[in-house]
Amino acid sequence: MLAISARIELASKDMAAYVAGAKKIIEPTRAEAGCQLYAIAVDIEHANVIWITEQWESEEHLYAHLATPHIAEFLALCAAVEITGMDVIKYDVSAAGPLEIPQS
């Protein structure tokens, strides 16, 4: 499994356009083969920061996703807005399970 964590900082003037474009890609992305999780959220402390969290069954599924028409359209929007900072990390996950919080 692959996990992606992305932090994207935008110019305040472009937040509304970015969020509107992001809303369009969530449903078709979640319907893609190999998509286990796809979520986009606005940071509750920094109104101009977006977080994207993804889980994919395999790298092949991730790269197929990146080649879809809806993502191509979204990336064109991303090129038209002012992104002031971006950090995207891909994790190759060998195991996953529930987090059990120790009791004191």
PDB file of N, CA and C in Angstrom:
ATOM      1  N   MET A   1       0.845  -1.175   0.000  1.00  0.00           N
ATOM      2  CA  MET A   1       0.000   0.000   0.000  1.00  0.00           C
ATOM      3  C   MET A   1       0.889   1.237   0.000  1.00  0.00           C
ATOM      4  N   LEU A   2       0.420   2.261  -0.681  1.00  0.00           N
ATOM      5  CA  LEU A   2       1.089   3.559  -0.683  1.00  0.00           C
ATOM      6  C   LEU A   2       0.205   4.568   0.041  1.00  0.00           C
ATOM      7  N   ALA A   3       0.838   5.458   0.773  1.00  0.00           N
ATOM      8  CA  ALA A   3       0.127   6.564   1.410  1.00  0.00           C
ATOM      9  C   ALA A   3       0.791   7.854   0.956  1.00  0.00           C
ATOM     10  N   ILE A   4      -0.022   8.851   0.711  1.00  0.00           N
ATOM     11  CA  ILE A   4       0.464  10.167   0.286  1.00  0.00           C
ATOM     12  C   ILE A   4      -0.053  11.196   1.288  1.00  0.00           C
ATOM     13  N   SER A   5       0.839  12.070   1.709  1.00  0.00           N
ATOM     14  CA  SER A   5       0.459  13.202   2.552  1.00  0.00           C
ATOM     15  C   SER A   5       0.981  14.458   1.874  1.00  0.00           C
ATOM     16  N   ALA A   6       0.065  15.361   1.570  1.00  0.00           N
ATOM     17  CA  ALA A   6       0.460  16.592   0.889  1.00  0.00           C
ATOM     18  C   ALA A   6      -0.033  17.798   1.676  1.00  0.00           C
ATOM     19  N   ARG A   7       0.862  18.761   1.847  1.00  0.00           N
ATOM     20  CA  ARG A   7       0.520  20.055   2.455  1.00  0.00           C
ATOM     21  C   ARG A   7       0.741  21.111   1.383  1.00  0.00           C
ATOM     22  N   ILE A   8      -0.324  21.832   1.045  1.00  0.00           N
ATOM     23  CA  ILE A   8      -0.254  22.818  -0.014  1.00  0.00           C
ATOM     24  C   ILE A   8      -0.683  24.166   0.551  1.00  0.00           C
ATOM     25  N   GLU A   9       0.196  25.144   0.413  1.00  0.00           N
ATOM     26  CA  GLU A   9      -0.103  26.497   0.875  1.00  0.00           C
ATOM     27  C   GLU A   9      -0.368  27.367  -0.343  1.00  0.00           C
ATOM     28  N   LEU A  10      -1.486  28.077  -0.302  1.00  0.00           N
ATOM     29  CA  LEU A  10      -1.911  28.899  -1.437  1.00  0.00           C
ATOM     30  C   LEU A  10      -2.023  30.360  -1.044  1.00  0.00           C
ATOM     31  N   ALA A  11      -1.921  31.226  -2.039  1.00  0.00           N
ATOM     32  CA  ALA A  11      -2.239  32.631  -1.820  1.00  0.00           C
ATOM     33  C   ALA A  11      -3.722  32.711  -1.450  1.00  0.00           C
ATOM     34  N   SER A  12      -4.049  33.520  -0.478  1.00  0.00           N
ATOM     35  CA  SER A  12      -5.437  33.620  -0.002  1.00  0.00           C
ATOM     36  C   SER A  12      -6.419  33.902  -1.129  1.00  0.00           C
ATOM     37  N   LYS A  13      -5.994  34.695  -2.104  1.00  0.00           N
ATOM     38  CA  LYS A  13      -6.869  35.059  -3.221  1.00  0.00           C
ATOM     39  C   LYS A  13      -7.274  33.859  -4.074  1.00  0.00           C
ATOM     40  N   ASP A  14      -6.533  32.760  -3.986  1.00  0.00           N
ATOM     41  CA  ASP A  14      -6.795  31.595  -4.831  1.00  0.00           C
ATOM     42  C   ASP A  14      -7.453  30.422  -4.098  1.00  0.00           C
ATOM     43  N   MET A  15      -7.711  30.575  -2.810  1.00  0.00           N
ATOM     44  CA  MET A  15      -8.285  29.465  -2.042  1.00  0.00           C
ATOM     45  C   MET A  15      -9.634  29.011  -2.586  1.00  0.00           C
ATOM     46  N   ALA A  16     -10.531  29.930  -2.862  1.00  0.00           N
ATOM     47  CA  ALA A  16     -11.873  29.558  -3.326  1.00  0.00           C
ATOM     48  C   ALA A  16     -11.807  28.779  -4.636  1.00  0.00           C
ATOM     49  N   ALA A  17     -10.975  29.212  -5.566  1.00  0.00           N
ATOM     50  CA  ALA A  17     -10.847  28.513  -6.851  1.00  0.00           C
ATOM     51  C   ALA A  17     -10.259  27.120  -6.650  1.00  0.00           C
ATOM     52  N   TYR A  18      -9.249  27.017  -5.785  1.00  0.00           N
ATOM     53  CA  TYR A  18      -8.628  25.717  -5.527  1.00  0.00           C
ATOM     54  C   TYR A  18      -9.627  24.756  -4.890  1.00  0.00           C
ATOM     55  N   VAL A  19     -10.339  25.213  -3.878  1.00  0.00           N
ATOM     56  CA  VAL A  19     -11.313  24.356  -3.194  1.00  0.00           C
ATOM     57  C   VAL A  19     -12.412  23.917  -4.153  1.00  0.00           C
ATOM     58  N   ALA A  20     -12.890  24.814  -4.988  1.00  0.00           N
ATOM     59  CA  ALA A  20     -13.925  24.450  -5.971  1.00  0.00           C
ATOM     60  C   ALA A  20     -13.408  23.380  -6.927  1.00  0.00           C
ATOM     61  N   GLY A  21     -12.177  23.523  -7.374  1.00  0.00           N
ATOM     62  CA  GLY A  21     -11.589  22.510  -8.258  1.00  0.00           C
ATOM     63  C   GLY A  21     -11.364  21.193  -7.548  1.00  0.00           C
ATOM     64  N   ALA A  22     -10.931  21.252  -6.295  1.00  0.00           N
ATOM     65  CA  ALA A  22     -10.678  20.038  -5.518  1.00  0.00           C
ATOM     66  C   ALA A  22     -11.960  19.248  -5.293  1.00  0.00           C
ATOM     67  N   LYS A  23     -13.054  19.947  -5.063  1.00  0.00           N
ATOM     68  CA  LYS A  23     -14.336  19.261  -4.847  1.00  0.00           C
ATOM     69  C   LYS A  23     -14.721  18.407  -6.050  1.00  0.00           C
ATOM     70  N   LYS A  24     -14.325  18.830  -7.238  1.00  0.00           N
ATOM     71  CA  LYS A  24     -14.684  18.111  -8.464  1.00  0.00           C
ATOM     72  C   LYS A  24     -13.932  16.785  -8.622  1.00  0.00           C
ATOM     73  N   ILE A  25     -12.773  16.636  -7.984  1.00  0.00           N
ATOM     74  CA  ILE A  25     -11.975  15.427  -8.208  1.00  0.00           C
ATOM     75  C   ILE A  25     -12.170  14.358  -7.144  1.00  0.00           C
ATOM     76  N   ILE A  26     -12.820  14.691  -6.038  1.00  0.00           N
ATOM     77  CA  ILE A  26     -12.934  13.724  -4.946  1.00  0.00           C
ATOM     78  C   ILE A  26     -13.756  12.499  -5.357  1.00  0.00           C
ATOM     79  N   GLU A  27     -14.964  12.695  -5.832  1.00  0.00           N
ATOM     80  CA  GLU A  27     -15.824  11.560  -6.176  1.00  0.00           C
ATOM     81  C   GLU A  27     -15.224  10.668  -7.267  1.00  0.00           C
ATOM     82  N   PRO A  28     -14.773  11.226  -8.406  1.00  0.00           N
ATOM     83  CA  PRO A  28     -14.202  10.331  -9.421  1.00  0.00           C
ATOM     84  C   PRO A  28     -12.928   9.637  -8.943  1.00  0.00           C
ATOM     85  N   THR A  29     -12.146  10.293  -8.107  1.00  0.00           N
ATOM     86  CA  THR A  29     -10.930   9.653  -7.595  1.00  0.00           C
ATOM     87  C   THR A  29     -11.279   8.496  -6.685  1.00  0.00           C
ATOM     88  N   ARG A  30     -12.231   8.696  -5.785  1.00  0.00           N
ATOM     89  CA  ARG A  30     -12.628   7.612  -4.880  1.00  0.00           C
ATOM     90  C   ARG A  30     -13.198   6.411  -5.614  1.00  0.00           C
ATOM     91  N   ALA A  31     -13.723   6.624  -6.830  1.00  0.00           N
ATOM     92  CA  ALA A  31     -14.277   5.527  -7.632  1.00  0.00           C
ATOM     93  C   ALA A  31     -13.202   4.776  -8.421  1.00  0.00           C
ATOM     94  N   GLU A  32     -11.981   5.271  -8.442  1.00  0.00           N
ATOM     95  CA  GLU A  32     -10.915   4.639  -9.212  1.00  0.00           C
ATOM     96  C   GLU A  32     -10.470   3.316  -8.587  1.00  0.00           C
ATOM     97  N   ALA A  33     -10.057   2.397  -9.445  1.00  0.00           N
ATOM     98  CA  ALA A  33      -9.495   1.126  -8.978  1.00  0.00           C
ATOM     99  C   ALA A  33      -8.265   1.407  -8.121  1.00  0.00           C
ATOM    100  N   GLY A  34      -8.175   0.717  -6.998  1.00  0.00           N
ATOM    101  CA  GLY A  34      -6.998   0.836  -6.142  1.00  0.00           C
ATOM    102  C   GLY A  34      -7.024   1.972  -5.153  1.00  0.00           C
ATOM    103  N   CYS A  35      -8.034   2.855  -5.222  1.00  0.00           N
ATOM    104  CA  CYS A  35      -8.123   3.966  -4.271  1.00  0.00           C
ATOM    105  C   CYS A  35      -8.737   3.451  -2.971  1.00  0.00           C
ATOM    106  N   GLN A  36      -7.979   3.541  -1.890  1.00  0.00           N
ATOM    107  CA  GLN A  36      -8.456   3.103  -0.590  1.00  0.00           C
ATOM    108  C   GLN A  36      -8.905   4.276   0.273  1.00  0.00           C
ATOM    109  N   LEU A  37      -8.331   5.449   0.030  1.00  0.00           N
ATOM    110  CA  LEU A  37      -8.683   6.657   0.781  1.00  0.00           C
ATOM    111  C   LEU A  37      -8.269   7.862  -0.035  1.00  0.00           C
ATOM    112  N   TYR A  38      -9.142   8.858  -0.091  1.00  0.00           N
ATOM    113  CA  TYR A  38      -8.808  10.106  -0.752  1.00  0.00           C
ATOM    114  C   TYR A  38      -9.565  11.207  -0.037  1.00  0.00           C
ATOM    115  N   ALA A  39      -8.844  12.104   0.610  1.00  0.00           N
ATOM    116  CA  ALA A  39      -9.478  13.172   1.383  1.00  0.00           C
ATOM    117  C   ALA A  39      -8.713  14.471   1.195  1.00  0.00           C
ATOM    118  N   ILE A  40      -9.456  15.563   1.121  1.00  0.00           N
ATOM    119  CA  ILE A  40      -8.881  16.900   0.997  1.00  0.00           C
ATOM    120  C   ILE A  40      -9.535  17.765   2.068  1.00  0.00           C
ATOM    121  N   ALA A  41      -8.702  18.504   2.823  1.00  0.00           N
ATOM    122  CA  ALA A  41      -9.227  19.315   3.915  1.00  0.00           C
ATOM    123  C   ALA A  41      -8.479  20.635   4.025  1.00  0.00           C
ATOM    124  N   VAL A  42      -9.175  21.649   4.525  1.00  0.00           N
ATOM    125  CA  VAL A  42      -8.568  22.937   4.831  1.00  0.00           C
ATOM    126  C   VAL A  42      -8.057  22.876   6.268  1.00  0.00           C
ATOM    127  N   ASP A  43      -6.849  23.327   6.494  1.00  0.00           N
ATOM    128  CA  ASP A  43      -6.247  23.347   7.828  1.00  0.00           C
ATOM    129  C   ASP A  43      -7.069  24.250   8.747  1.00  0.00           C
ATOM    130  N   ILE A  44      -7.376  23.781   9.954  1.00  0.00           N
ATOM    131  CA  ILE A  44      -8.226  24.572  10.845  1.00  0.00           C
ATOM    132  C   ILE A  44      -7.491  25.739  11.499  1.00  0.00           C
ATOM    133  N   GLU A  45      -6.157  25.754  11.452  1.00  0.00           N
ATOM    134  CA  GLU A  45      -5.404  26.875  12.005  1.00  0.00           C
ATOM    135  C   GLU A  45      -4.876  27.831  10.947  1.00  0.00           C
ATOM    136  N   HIS A  46      -4.710  27.343   9.725  1.00  0.00           N
ATOM    137  CA  HIS A  46      -4.143  28.150   8.641  1.00  0.00           C
ATOM    138  C   HIS A  46      -5.094  28.057   7.441  1.00  0.00           C
ATOM    139  N   ALA A  47      -5.924  29.066   7.268  1.00  0.00           N
ATOM    140  CA  ALA A  47      -6.994  29.033   6.272  1.00  0.00           C
ATOM    141  C   ALA A  47      -6.498  28.940   4.836  1.00  0.00           C
ATOM    142  N   ASN A  48      -5.212  29.184   4.595  1.00  0.00           N
ATOM    143  CA  ASN A  48      -4.698  29.101   3.225  1.00  0.00           C
ATOM    144  C   ASN A  48      -3.878  27.828   2.998  1.00  0.00           C
ATOM    145  N   VAL A  49      -4.052  26.839   3.888  1.00  0.00           N
ATOM    146  CA  VAL A  49      -3.336  25.563   3.763  1.00  0.00           C
ATOM    147  C   VAL A  49      -4.340  24.439   3.528  1.00  0.00           C
ATOM    148  N   ILE A  50      -4.024  23.602   2.551  1.00  0.00           N
ATOM    149  CA  ILE A  50      -4.825  22.427   2.193  1.00  0.00           C
ATOM    150  C   ILE A  50      -4.007  21.182   2.518  1.00  0.00           C
ATOM    151  N   TRP A  51      -4.672  20.165   3.049  1.00  0.00           N
ATOM    152  CA  TRP A  51      -4.053  18.861   3.281  1.00  0.00           C
ATOM    153  C   TRP A  51      -4.744  17.833   2.387  1.00  0.00           C
ATOM    154  N   ILE A  52      -3.942  17.029   1.707  1.00  0.00           N
ATOM    155  CA  ILE A  52      -4.473  15.932   0.905  1.00  0.00           C
ATOM    156  C   ILE A  52      -3.893  14.645   1.475  1.00  0.00           C
ATOM    157  N   THR A  53      -4.777  13.690   1.761  1.00  0.00           N
ATOM    158  CA  THR A  53      -4.379  12.388   2.274  1.00  0.00           C
ATOM    159  C   THR A  53      -4.900  11.323   1.317  1.00  0.00           C
ATOM    160  N   GLU A  54      -4.002  10.435   0.899  1.00  0.00           N
ATOM    161  CA  GLU A  54      -4.372   9.389  -0.056  1.00  0.00           C
ATOM    162  C   GLU A  54      -3.804   8.049   0.379  1.00  0.00           C
ATOM    163  N   GLN A  55      -4.520   6.971   0.049  1.00  0.00           N
ATOM    164  CA  GLN A  55      -3.998   5.610   0.178  1.00  0.00           C
ATOM    165  C   GLN A  55      -4.338   4.873  -1.111  1.00  0.00           C
ATOM    166  N   TRP A  56      -3.323   4.211  -1.662  1.00  0.00           N
ATOM    167  CA  TRP A  56      -3.482   3.482  -2.918  1.00  0.00           C
ATOM    168  C   TRP A  56      -3.012   2.047  -2.733  1.00  0.00           C
ATOM    169  N   GLU A  57      -3.684   1.146  -3.384  1.00  0.00           N
ATOM    170  CA  GLU A  57      -3.346  -0.273  -3.315  1.00  0.00           C
ATOM    171  C   GLU A  57      -1.930  -0.538  -3.820  1.00  0.00           C
ATOM    172  N   SER A  58      -1.521   0.211  -4.845  1.00  0.00           N
ATOM    173  CA  SER A  58      -0.191  -0.009  -5.422  1.00  0.00           C
ATOM    174  C   SER A  58       0.281   1.255  -6.126  1.00  0.00           C
ATOM    175  N   GLU A  59       1.552   1.283  -6.453  1.00  0.00           N
ATOM    176  CA  GLU A  59       2.111   2.401  -7.204  1.00  0.00           C
ATOM    177  C   GLU A  59       1.486   2.489  -8.590  1.00  0.00           C
ATOM    178  N   GLU A  60       1.167   1.353  -9.193  1.00  0.00           N
ATOM    179  CA  GLU A  60       0.516   1.344 -10.511  1.00  0.00           C
ATOM    180  C   GLU A  60      -0.830   2.064 -10.445  1.00  0.00           C
ATOM    181  N   HIS A  61      -1.585   1.823  -9.369  1.00  0.00           N
ATOM    182  CA  HIS A  61      -2.872   2.498  -9.215  1.00  0.00           C
ATOM    183  C   HIS A  61      -2.682   4.009  -9.038  1.00  0.00           C
ATOM    184  N   LEU A  62      -1.686   4.397  -8.271  1.00  0.00           N
ATOM    185  CA  LEU A  62      -1.411   5.825  -8.076  1.00  0.00           C
ATOM    186  C   LEU A  62      -1.077   6.489  -9.409  1.00  0.00           C
ATOM    187  N   TYR A  63      -0.202   5.874 -10.199  1.00  0.00           N
ATOM    188  CA  TYR A  63       0.198   6.498 -11.458  1.00  0.00           C
ATOM    189  C   TYR A  63      -0.930   6.481 -12.494  1.00  0.00           C
ATOM    190  N   ALA A  64      -1.804   5.477 -12.431  1.00  0.00           N
ATOM    191  CA  ALA A  64      -2.989   5.483 -13.294  1.00  0.00           C
ATOM    192  C   ALA A  64      -3.901   6.655 -12.903  1.00  0.00           C
ATOM    193  N   HIS A  65      -4.026   6.889 -11.610  1.00  0.00           N
ATOM    194  CA  HIS A  65      -4.812   8.035 -11.108  1.00  0.00           C
ATOM    195  C   HIS A  65      -4.254   9.355 -11.644  1.00  0.00           C
ATOM    196  N   LEU A  66      -2.939   9.503 -11.577  1.00  0.00           N
ATOM    197  CA  LEU A  66      -2.310  10.751 -12.025  1.00  0.00           C
ATOM    198  C   LEU A  66      -2.481  10.989 -13.521  1.00  0.00           C
ATOM    199  N   ALA A  67      -2.827   9.946 -14.275  1.00  0.00           N
ATOM    200  CA  ALA A  67      -3.001  10.069 -15.722  1.00  0.00           C
ATOM    201  C   ALA A  67      -4.467  10.256 -16.139  1.00  0.00           C
ATOM    202  N   THR A  68      -5.387  10.351 -15.183  1.00  0.00           N
ATOM    203  CA  THR A  68      -6.807  10.484 -15.525  1.00  0.00           C
ATOM    204  C   THR A  68      -7.129  11.905 -16.006  1.00  0.00           C
ATOM    205  N   PRO A  69      -8.176  12.026 -16.813  1.00  0.00           N
ATOM    206  CA  PRO A  69      -8.566  13.367 -17.298  1.00  0.00           C
ATOM    207  C   PRO A  69      -8.950  14.327 -16.173  1.00  0.00           C
ATOM    208  N   HIS A  70      -9.630  13.846 -15.127  1.00  0.00           N
ATOM    209  CA  HIS A  70     -10.035  14.774 -14.064  1.00  0.00           C
ATOM    210  C   HIS A  70      -8.823  15.308 -13.300  1.00  0.00           C
ATOM    211  N   ILE A  71      -7.777  14.512 -13.171  1.00  0.00           N
ATOM    212  CA  ILE A  71      -6.561  14.997 -12.509  1.00  0.00           C
ATOM    213  C   ILE A  71      -5.792  15.929 -13.443  1.00  0.00           C
ATOM    214  N   ALA A  72      -5.762  15.642 -14.728  1.00  0.00           N
ATOM    215  CA  ALA A  72      -5.117  16.553 -15.683  1.00  0.00           C
ATOM    216  C   ALA A  72      -5.787  17.933 -15.635  1.00  0.00           C
ATOM    217  N   GLU A  73      -7.107  17.951 -15.571  1.00  0.00           N
ATOM    218  CA  GLU A  73      -7.842  19.216 -15.487  1.00  0.00           C
ATOM    219  C   GLU A  73      -7.516  19.933 -14.173  1.00  0.00           C
ATOM    220  N   PHE A  74      -7.454  19.176 -13.068  1.00  0.00           N
ATOM    221  CA  PHE A  74      -7.143  19.775 -11.769  1.00  0.00           C
ATOM    222  C   PHE A  74      -5.712  20.318 -11.743  1.00  0.00           C
ATOM    223  N   LEU A  75      -4.765  19.601 -12.334  1.00  0.00           N
ATOM    224  CA  LEU A  75      -3.383  20.081 -12.369  1.00  0.00           C
ATOM    225  C   LEU A  75      -3.253  21.353 -13.202  1.00  0.00           C
ATOM    226  N   ALA A  76      -4.084  21.480 -14.226  1.00  0.00           N
ATOM    227  CA  ALA A  76      -4.097  22.732 -15.003  1.00  0.00           C
ATOM    228  C   ALA A  76      -4.582  23.881 -14.119  1.00  0.00           C
ATOM    229  N   LEU A  77      -5.583  23.625 -13.282  1.00  0.00           N
ATOM    230  CA  LEU A  77      -6.033  24.642 -12.337  1.00  0.00           C
ATOM    231  C   LEU A  77      -4.906  24.990 -11.361  1.00  0.00           C
ATOM    232  N   CYS A  78      -4.208  23.970 -10.869  1.00  0.00           N
ATOM    233  CA  CYS A  78      -3.104  24.192  -9.928  1.00  0.00           C
ATOM    234  C   CYS A  78      -2.019  25.072 -10.543  1.00  0.00           C
ATOM    235  N   ALA A  79      -1.793  24.930 -11.838  1.00  0.00           N
ATOM    236  CA  ALA A  79      -0.788  25.751 -12.515  1.00  0.00           C
ATOM    237  C   ALA A  79      -1.240  27.204 -12.644  1.00  0.00           C
ATOM    238  N   ALA A  80      -2.556  27.427 -12.547  1.00  0.00           N
ATOM    239  CA  ALA A  80      -3.093  28.774 -12.723  1.00  0.00           C
ATOM    240  C   ALA A  80      -3.245  29.536 -11.405  1.00  0.00           C
ATOM    241  N   VAL A  81      -3.130  28.830 -10.268  1.00  0.00           N
ATOM    242  CA  VAL A  81      -3.242  29.504  -8.967  1.00  0.00           C
ATOM    243  C   VAL A  81      -1.847  29.695  -8.385  1.00  0.00           C
ATOM    244  N   GLU A  82      -1.767  30.555  -7.381  1.00  0.00           N
ATOM    245  CA  GLU A  82      -0.473  30.826  -6.757  1.00  0.00           C
ATOM    246  C   GLU A  82      -0.256  29.899  -5.559  1.00  0.00           C
ATOM    247  N   ILE A  83       0.548  28.873  -5.777  1.00  0.00           N
ATOM    248  CA  ILE A  83       0.926  27.957  -4.703  1.00  0.00           C
ATOM    249  C   ILE A  83       2.207  28.516  -4.091  1.00  0.00           C
ATOM    250  N   THR A  84       2.139  28.866  -2.802  1.00  0.00           N
ATOM    251  CA  THR A  84       3.273  29.510  -2.147  1.00  0.00           C
ATOM    252  C   THR A  84       4.160  28.513  -1.402  1.00  0.00           C
ATOM    253  N   GLY A  85       3.697  27.296  -1.253  1.00  0.00           N
ATOM    254  CA  GLY A  85       4.489  26.256  -0.609  1.00  0.00           C
ATOM    255  C   GLY A  85       3.831  24.904  -0.811  1.00  0.00           C
ATOM    256  N   MET A  86       4.666  23.877  -0.960  1.00  0.00           N
ATOM    257  CA  MET A  86       4.103  22.550  -1.155  1.00  0.00           C
ATOM    258  C   MET A  86       5.096  21.507  -0.663  1.00  0.00           C
ATOM    259  N   ASP A  87       4.561  20.521   0.057  1.00  0.00           N
ATOM    260  CA  ASP A  87       5.358  19.416   0.544  1.00  0.00           C
ATOM    261  C   ASP A  87       4.528  18.151   0.351  1.00  0.00           C
ATOM    262  N   VAL A  88       4.981  17.250  -0.516  1.00  0.00           N
ATOM    263  CA  VAL A  88       4.260  16.016  -0.800  1.00  0.00           C
ATOM    264  C   VAL A  88       5.186  14.848  -0.474  1.00  0.00           C
ATOM    265  N   ILE A  89       4.683  13.936   0.362  1.00  0.00           N
ATOM    266  CA  ILE A  89       5.478  12.787   0.777  1.00  0.00           C
ATOM    267  C   ILE A  89       4.731  11.510   0.416  1.00  0.00           C
ATOM    268  N   LYS A  90       5.448  10.565  -0.204  1.00  0.00           N
ATOM    269  CA  LYS A  90       4.890   9.254  -0.537  1.00  0.00           C
ATOM    270  C   LYS A  90       5.500   8.231   0.414  1.00  0.00           C
ATOM    271  N   TYR A  91       4.645   7.447   1.046  1.00  0.00           N
ATOM    272  CA  TYR A  91       5.083   6.401   1.962  1.00  0.00           C
ATOM    273  C   TYR A  91       4.760   5.037   1.365  1.00  0.00           C
ATOM    274  N   ASP A  92       5.693   4.121   1.428  1.00  0.00           N
ATOM    275  CA  ASP A  92       5.465   2.735   1.046  1.00  0.00           C
ATOM    276  C   ASP A  92       5.180   1.990   2.351  1.00  0.00           C
ATOM    277  N   VAL A  93       3.943   1.558   2.542  1.00  0.00           N
ATOM    278  CA  VAL A  93       3.498   0.993   3.813  1.00  0.00           C
ATOM    279  C   VAL A  93       3.503  -0.533   3.721  1.00  0.00           C
ATOM    280  N   SER A  94       4.229  -1.161   4.621  1.00  0.00           N
ATOM    281  CA  SER A  94       4.296  -2.624   4.614  1.00  0.00           C
ATOM    282  C   SER A  94       3.261  -3.256   5.542  1.00  0.00           C
ATOM    283  N   ALA A  95       2.766  -2.515   6.509  1.00  0.00           N
ATOM    284  CA  ALA A  95       1.745  -3.044   7.418  1.00  0.00           C
ATOM    285  C   ALA A  95       0.915  -1.886   7.950  1.00  0.00           C
ATOM    286  N   ALA A  96      -0.340  -2.180   8.226  1.00  0.00           N
ATOM    287  CA  ALA A  96      -1.236  -1.172   8.793  1.00  0.00           C
ATOM    288  C   ALA A  96      -2.238  -1.866   9.700  1.00  0.00           C
ATOM    289  N   GLY A  97      -2.643  -1.176  10.717  1.00  0.00           N
ATOM    290  CA  GLY A  97      -3.628  -1.720  11.643  1.00  0.00           C
ATOM    291  C   GLY A  97      -4.106  -0.636  12.569  1.00  0.00           C
ATOM    292  N   PRO A  98      -5.040  -0.987  13.426  1.00  0.00           N
ATOM    293  CA  PRO A  98      -5.579   0.028  14.332  1.00  0.00           C
ATOM    294  C   PRO A  98      -4.555   0.484  15.356  1.00  0.00           C
ATOM    295  N   LEU A  99      -4.690   1.716  15.774  1.00  0.00           N
ATOM    296  CA  LEU A  99      -3.833   2.268  16.831  1.00  0.00           C
ATOM    297  C   LEU A  99      -4.529   1.991  18.153  1.00  0.00           C
ATOM    298  N   GLU A 100      -3.822   1.335  19.035  1.00  0.00           N
ATOM    299  CA  GLU A 100      -4.361   1.071  20.362  1.00  0.00           C
ATOM    300  C   GLU A 100      -3.650   1.988  21.343  1.00  0.00           C
ATOM    301  N   ILE A 101      -4.437   2.812  22.012  1.00  0.00           N
ATOM    302  CA  ILE A 101      -3.878   3.771  22.953  1.00  0.00           C
ATOM    303  C   ILE A 101      -3.710   3.078  24.306  1.00  0.00           C
ATOM    304  N   PRO A 102      -2.501   3.108  24.842  1.00  0.00           N
ATOM    305  CA  PRO A 102      -2.274   2.456  26.138  1.00  0.00           C
ATOM    306  C   PRO A 102      -3.083   3.128  27.245  1.00  0.00           C
ATOM    307  N   GLN A 103      -3.579   2.326  28.143  1.00  0.00           N
ATOM    308  CA  GLN A 103      -4.321   2.855  29.285  1.00  0.00           C
ATOM    309  C   GLN A 103      -3.360   3.049  30.451  1.00  0.00           C
ATOM    310  N   SER A 104      -3.521   4.155  31.153  1.00  0.00           N
ATOM    311  CA  SER A 104      -2.638   4.456  32.272  1.00  0.00           C
ATOM    312  C   SER A 104      -3.037   3.682  33.510  1.00  0.00           C
TER     313      SER A 104
END
